[in-house]
């Protein structure tokens, strides 16, 4: 069986049975975020309400932050959370030593979560700076329209799976 998600987000090719995709939702940022603090900052989120407590949620997070031009050593971390529960704790999501110039990093997480809930659940990506390495900022650029250069570059996609 092939599953196809076309450009409009429509899912086709799914038949009944175990492992059926019941719903797909996506969130993306529409305003830029700068990280220069040790306090976790929300980047992107999406909410889903599972139809059964036995459902799983496949959480796909894709993002590509960049740093400024300083040559200072840096380290940034990230969390993926379901409501207040941390499901990914990545203290070294983006790091480099002193002679590393500004760049863009491609990052992603794929989590098959088992929330055992039929309540609305919010999944979110948060980022933070390591407390001892203060030389750089991290930028998550965004466009507010589909004609912008950064449209949907930082996304979180949730799929309920029976």
C-alpha atoms as a PDB file:
ATOM      1  CA  UNK A   1       0.000   0.000   0.000  1.00  0.00           C
ATOM      2  CA  UNK A   2       1.313   3.455  -0.865  1.00  0.00           C
ATOM      3  CA  UNK A   3       0.406   6.532   1.130  1.00  0.00           C
ATOM      4  CA  UNK A   4       0.475   9.820  -0.743  1.00  0.00           C
ATOM      5  CA  UNK A   5       0.309  13.290   0.773  1.00  0.00           C
ATOM      6  CA  UNK A   6      -0.140  15.773  -2.056  1.00  0.00           C
ATOM      7  CA  UNK A   7       0.760  19.472  -2.077  1.00  0.00           C
ATOM      8  CA  UNK A   8      -2.546  20.504  -0.520  1.00  0.00           C
ATOM      9  CA  UNK A   9      -2.024  18.199   2.471  1.00  0.00           C
ATOM     10  CA  UNK A  10      -4.646  15.637   1.384  1.00  0.00           C
ATOM     11  CA  UNK A  11      -3.819  12.084   2.393  1.00  0.00           C
ATOM     12  CA  UNK A  12      -4.804   9.269   0.022  1.00  0.00           C
ATOM     13  CA  UNK A  13      -4.106   5.575  -0.417  1.00  0.00           C
ATOM     14  CA  UNK A  14      -5.046   4.576   3.122  1.00  0.00           C
ATOM     15  CA  UNK A  15      -7.298   1.600   3.716  1.00  0.00           C
ATOM     16  CA  UNK A  16      -8.893   0.426   6.939  1.00  0.00           C
ATOM     17  CA  UNK A  17      -6.973  -1.587   9.484  1.00  0.00           C
ATOM     18  CA  UNK A  18      -4.199  -1.250  12.007  1.00  0.00           C
ATOM     19  CA  UNK A  19      -1.752   1.558  11.324  1.00  0.00           C
ATOM     20  CA  UNK A  20      -4.283   3.783   9.578  1.00  0.00           C
ATOM     21  CA  UNK A  21      -3.503   7.508   9.523  1.00  0.00           C
ATOM     22  CA  UNK A  22      -6.579   9.135  11.012  1.00  0.00           C
ATOM     23  CA  UNK A  23      -5.595  12.811  10.801  1.00  0.00           C
ATOM     24  CA  UNK A  24      -2.691  15.055   9.870  1.00  0.00           C
ATOM     25  CA  UNK A  25      -2.075  18.581  11.197  1.00  0.00           C
ATOM     26  CA  UNK A  26       0.842  20.944  10.676  1.00  0.00           C
ATOM     27  CA  UNK A  27       2.105  24.080  12.363  1.00  0.00           C
ATOM     28  CA  UNK A  28       4.718  26.530  11.119  1.00  0.00           C
ATOM     29  CA  UNK A  29       6.106  29.816  12.379  1.00  0.00           C
ATOM     30  CA  UNK A  30       5.051  33.084  10.750  1.00  0.00           C
ATOM     31  CA  UNK A  31       7.320  35.474  12.650  1.00  0.00           C
ATOM     32  CA  UNK A  32      11.060  35.200  13.236  1.00  0.00           C
ATOM     33  CA  UNK A  33      12.476  34.139  16.626  1.00  0.00           C
ATOM     34  CA  UNK A  34      15.942  34.957  18.039  1.00  0.00           C
ATOM     35  CA  UNK A  35      17.417  32.750  20.780  1.00  0.00           C
ATOM     36  CA  UNK A  36      19.993  34.318  23.106  1.00  0.00           C
ATOM     37  CA  UNK A  37      18.787  33.039  26.460  1.00  0.00           C
ATOM     38  CA  UNK A  38      19.080  29.920  28.587  1.00  0.00           C
ATOM     39  CA  UNK A  39      15.293  30.036  29.020  1.00  0.00           C
ATOM     40  CA  UNK A  40      13.559  27.675  26.562  1.00  0.00           C
ATOM     41  CA  UNK A  41      11.715  29.703  23.914  1.00  0.00           C
ATOM     42  CA  UNK A  42       8.788  28.394  21.848  1.00  0.00           C
ATOM     43  CA  UNK A  43       9.580  28.113  18.125  1.00  0.00           C
ATOM     44  CA  UNK A  44       6.700  26.210  16.507  1.00  0.00           C
ATOM     45  CA  UNK A  45       3.683  24.225  17.719  1.00  0.00           C
ATOM     46  CA  UNK A  46       0.631  22.279  16.578  1.00  0.00           C
ATOM     47  CA  UNK A  47      -2.311  20.688  18.366  1.00  0.00           C
ATOM     48  CA  UNK A  48      -4.108  17.412  17.776  1.00  0.00           C
ATOM     49  CA  UNK A  49      -6.984  15.594  19.521  1.00  0.00           C
ATOM     50  CA  UNK A  50      -6.584  11.812  19.244  1.00  0.00           C
ATOM     51  CA  UNK A  51      -9.797   9.900  18.613  1.00  0.00           C
ATOM     52  CA  UNK A  52      -8.836   6.965  20.887  1.00  0.00           C
ATOM     53  CA  UNK A  53      -6.529   6.392  23.842  1.00  0.00           C
ATOM     54  CA  UNK A  54      -4.851   3.593  21.859  1.00  0.00           C
ATOM     55  CA  UNK A  55      -3.816   5.980  19.056  1.00  0.00           C
ATOM     56  CA  UNK A  56      -0.197   6.941  18.565  1.00  0.00           C
ATOM     57  CA  UNK A  57       0.981  10.355  17.395  1.00  0.00           C
ATOM     58  CA  UNK A  58       3.845  10.586  14.927  1.00  0.00           C
ATOM     59  CA  UNK A  59       5.496  13.956  15.578  1.00  0.00           C
ATOM     60  CA  UNK A  60       7.801  15.207  12.799  1.00  0.00           C
ATOM     61  CA  UNK A  61       9.766  18.381  13.564  1.00  0.00           C
ATOM     62  CA  UNK A  62      11.859  20.044  10.840  1.00  0.00           C
ATOM     63  CA  UNK A  63      13.777  23.294  11.244  1.00  0.00           C
ATOM     64  CA  UNK A  64      16.938  25.035  10.103  1.00  0.00           C
ATOM     65  CA  UNK A  65      18.262  27.680  12.486  1.00  0.00           C
ATOM     66  CA  UNK A  66      21.250  29.839  11.692  1.00  0.00           C
ATOM     67  CA  UNK A  67      23.823  31.664  13.797  1.00  0.00           C
ATOM     68  CA  UNK A  68      25.364  35.120  13.594  1.00  0.00           C
ATOM     69  CA  UNK A  69      28.895  35.864  12.354  1.00  0.00           C
ATOM     70  CA  UNK A  70      30.836  35.699  15.610  1.00  0.00           C
ATOM     71  CA  UNK A  71      33.630  33.135  15.814  1.00  0.00           C
ATOM     72  CA  UNK A  72      32.856  32.379  19.452  1.00  0.00           C
ATOM     73  CA  UNK A  73      32.212  28.840  20.611  1.00  0.00           C
ATOM     74  CA  UNK A  74      28.503  28.127  20.920  1.00  0.00           C
ATOM     75  CA  UNK A  75      26.025  25.450  21.897  1.00  0.00           C
ATOM     76  CA  UNK A  76      22.237  25.463  21.661  1.00  0.00           C
ATOM     77  CA  UNK A  77      19.732  22.877  22.798  1.00  0.00           C
ATOM     78  CA  UNK A  78      16.158  21.956  21.997  1.00  0.00           C
ATOM     79  CA  UNK A  79      13.138  20.356  23.593  1.00  0.00           C
ATOM     80  CA  UNK A  80      10.122  18.784  21.946  1.00  0.00           C
ATOM     81  CA  UNK A  81       7.215  18.763  24.365  1.00  0.00           C
ATOM     82  CA  UNK A  82       3.736  17.303  24.492  1.00  0.00           C
ATOM     83  CA  UNK A  83       1.948  19.843  26.657  1.00  0.00           C
ATOM     84  CA  UNK A  84       4.342  20.045  29.658  1.00  0.00           C
ATOM     85  CA  UNK A  85       5.921  16.601  29.112  1.00  0.00           C
ATOM     86  CA  UNK A  86       9.367  16.595  27.483  1.00  0.00           C
ATOM     87  CA  UNK A  87       9.580  13.899  24.793  1.00  0.00           C
ATOM     88  CA  UNK A  88      12.944  15.047  23.326  1.00  0.00           C
ATOM     89  CA  UNK A  89      15.757  16.647  25.357  1.00  0.00           C
ATOM     90  CA  UNK A  90      18.651  17.537  23.044  1.00  0.00           C
ATOM     91  CA  UNK A  91      21.241  19.622  24.915  1.00  0.00           C
ATOM     92  CA  UNK A  92      23.631  19.663  21.945  1.00  0.00           C
ATOM     93  CA  UNK A  93      21.300  20.334  19.026  1.00  0.00           C
ATOM     94  CA  UNK A  94      23.591  22.946  17.408  1.00  0.00           C
ATOM     95  CA  UNK A  95      27.205  23.534  18.487  1.00  0.00           C
ATOM     96  CA  UNK A  96      30.680  24.398  17.217  1.00  0.00           C
ATOM     97  CA  UNK A  97      34.098  25.487  18.437  1.00  0.00           C
ATOM     98  CA  UNK A  98      35.731  28.930  18.218  1.00  0.00           C
ATOM     99  CA  UNK A  99      36.775  29.180  14.555  1.00  0.00           C
ATOM    100  CA  UNK A 100      33.418  28.163  13.156  1.00  0.00           C
ATOM    101  CA  UNK A 101      31.784  30.954  11.110  1.00  0.00           C
ATOM    102  CA  UNK A 102      28.070  31.689  10.755  1.00  0.00           C
ATOM    103  CA  UNK A 103      26.012  28.933   9.164  1.00  0.00           C
ATOM    104  CA  UNK A 104      22.648  27.244   8.828  1.00  0.00           C
ATOM    105  CA  UNK A 105      21.961  23.849  10.403  1.00  0.00           C
ATOM    106  CA  UNK A 106      19.348  21.357   9.165  1.00  0.00           C
ATOM    107  CA  UNK A 107      17.664  19.639  12.111  1.00  0.00           C
ATOM    108  CA  UNK A 108      14.799  17.191  12.495  1.00  0.00           C
ATOM    109  CA  UNK A 109      13.192  14.918  15.043  1.00  0.00           C
ATOM    110  CA  UNK A 110      10.828  11.986  14.390  1.00  0.00           C
ATOM    111  CA  UNK A 111       9.009  10.789  17.491  1.00  0.00           C
ATOM    112  CA  UNK A 112       6.348   8.088  17.703  1.00  0.00           C
ATOM    113  CA  UNK A 113       4.503   9.165  20.836  1.00  0.00           C
ATOM    114  CA  UNK A 114       1.929   7.167  22.809  1.00  0.00           C
ATOM    115  CA  UNK A 115      -0.030   9.807  24.745  1.00  0.00           C
ATOM    116  CA  UNK A 116      -2.958   7.547  25.878  1.00  0.00           C
ATOM    117  CA  UNK A 117      -5.320  10.495  25.616  1.00  0.00           C
ATOM    118  CA  UNK A 118      -8.390  11.770  23.784  1.00  0.00           C
ATOM    119  CA  UNK A 119      -7.847  15.341  24.986  1.00  0.00           C
ATOM    120  CA  UNK A 120      -6.376  18.111  22.853  1.00  0.00           C
ATOM    121  CA  UNK A 121      -2.568  17.829  22.900  1.00  0.00           C
ATOM    122  CA  UNK A 122      -0.120  20.562  21.944  1.00  0.00           C
ATOM    123  CA  UNK A 123       3.306  19.549  20.658  1.00  0.00           C
ATOM    124  CA  UNK A 124       5.982  22.216  20.448  1.00  0.00           C
ATOM    125  CA  UNK A 125       9.632  22.816  19.675  1.00  0.00           C
ATOM    126  CA  UNK A 126      11.612  24.977  22.099  1.00  0.00           C
ATOM    127  CA  UNK A 127      15.238  26.147  21.797  1.00  0.00           C
ATOM    128  CA  UNK A 128      17.724  27.567  24.315  1.00  0.00           C
ATOM    129  CA  UNK A 129      21.368  28.657  24.616  1.00  0.00           C
ATOM    130  CA  UNK A 130      23.879  26.801  26.787  1.00  0.00           C
ATOM    131  CA  UNK A 131      24.548  28.848  29.937  1.00  0.00           C
ATOM    132  CA  UNK A 132      28.341  28.921  29.643  1.00  0.00           C
ATOM    133  CA  UNK A 133      28.669  29.680  25.900  1.00  0.00           C
ATOM    134  CA  UNK A 134      27.366  33.192  25.279  1.00  0.00           C
ATOM    135  CA  UNK A 135      29.066  34.319  22.048  1.00  0.00           C
ATOM    136  CA  UNK A 136      26.255  33.790  19.548  1.00  0.00           C
ATOM    137  CA  UNK A 137      22.554  34.054  18.841  1.00  0.00           C
ATOM    138  CA  UNK A 138      20.395  31.508  17.023  1.00  0.00           C
ATOM    139  CA  UNK A 139      17.848  32.717  14.473  1.00  0.00           C
ATOM    140  CA  UNK A 140      14.680  31.024  13.235  1.00  0.00           C
ATOM    141  CA  UNK A 141      13.626  33.131  10.262  1.00  0.00           C
ATOM    142  CA  UNK A 142      10.065  33.099   9.002  1.00  0.00           C
ATOM    143  CA  UNK A 143       7.802  34.580   6.350  1.00  0.00           C
ATOM    144  CA  UNK A 144       4.169  35.385   6.977  1.00  0.00           C
ATOM    145  CA  UNK A 145       3.073  34.591   3.402  1.00  0.00           C
ATOM    146  CA  UNK A 146       3.646  31.787   0.927  1.00  0.00           C
ATOM    147  CA  UNK A 147       5.663  34.141  -1.297  1.00  0.00           C
ATOM    148  CA  UNK A 148       8.349  34.680   1.369  1.00  0.00           C
ATOM    149  CA  UNK A 149      11.788  33.065   1.333  1.00  0.00           C
ATOM    150  CA  UNK A 150      11.243  31.279   4.666  1.00  0.00           C
ATOM    151  CA  UNK A 151       7.636  30.080   4.237  1.00  0.00           C
ATOM    152  CA  UNK A 152       7.124  26.875   6.236  1.00  0.00           C
ATOM    153  CA  UNK A 153      10.831  26.282   6.843  1.00  0.00           C
ATOM    154  CA  UNK A 154      10.284  25.495  10.528  1.00  0.00           C
ATOM    155  CA  UNK A 155       7.409  22.997  10.848  1.00  0.00           C
ATOM    156  CA  UNK A 156       5.865  20.470  13.174  1.00  0.00           C
ATOM    157  CA  UNK A 157       3.630  17.817  11.615  1.00  0.00           C
ATOM    158  CA  UNK A 158       1.412  15.540  13.716  1.00  0.00           C
ATOM    159  CA  UNK A 159      -0.209  12.327  12.464  1.00  0.00           C
ATOM    160  CA  UNK A 160      -2.671  10.302  14.502  1.00  0.00           C
ATOM    161  CA  UNK A 161      -2.126   6.593  13.801  1.00  0.00           C
ATOM    162  CA  UNK A 162      -4.630   3.937  14.835  1.00  0.00           C
END
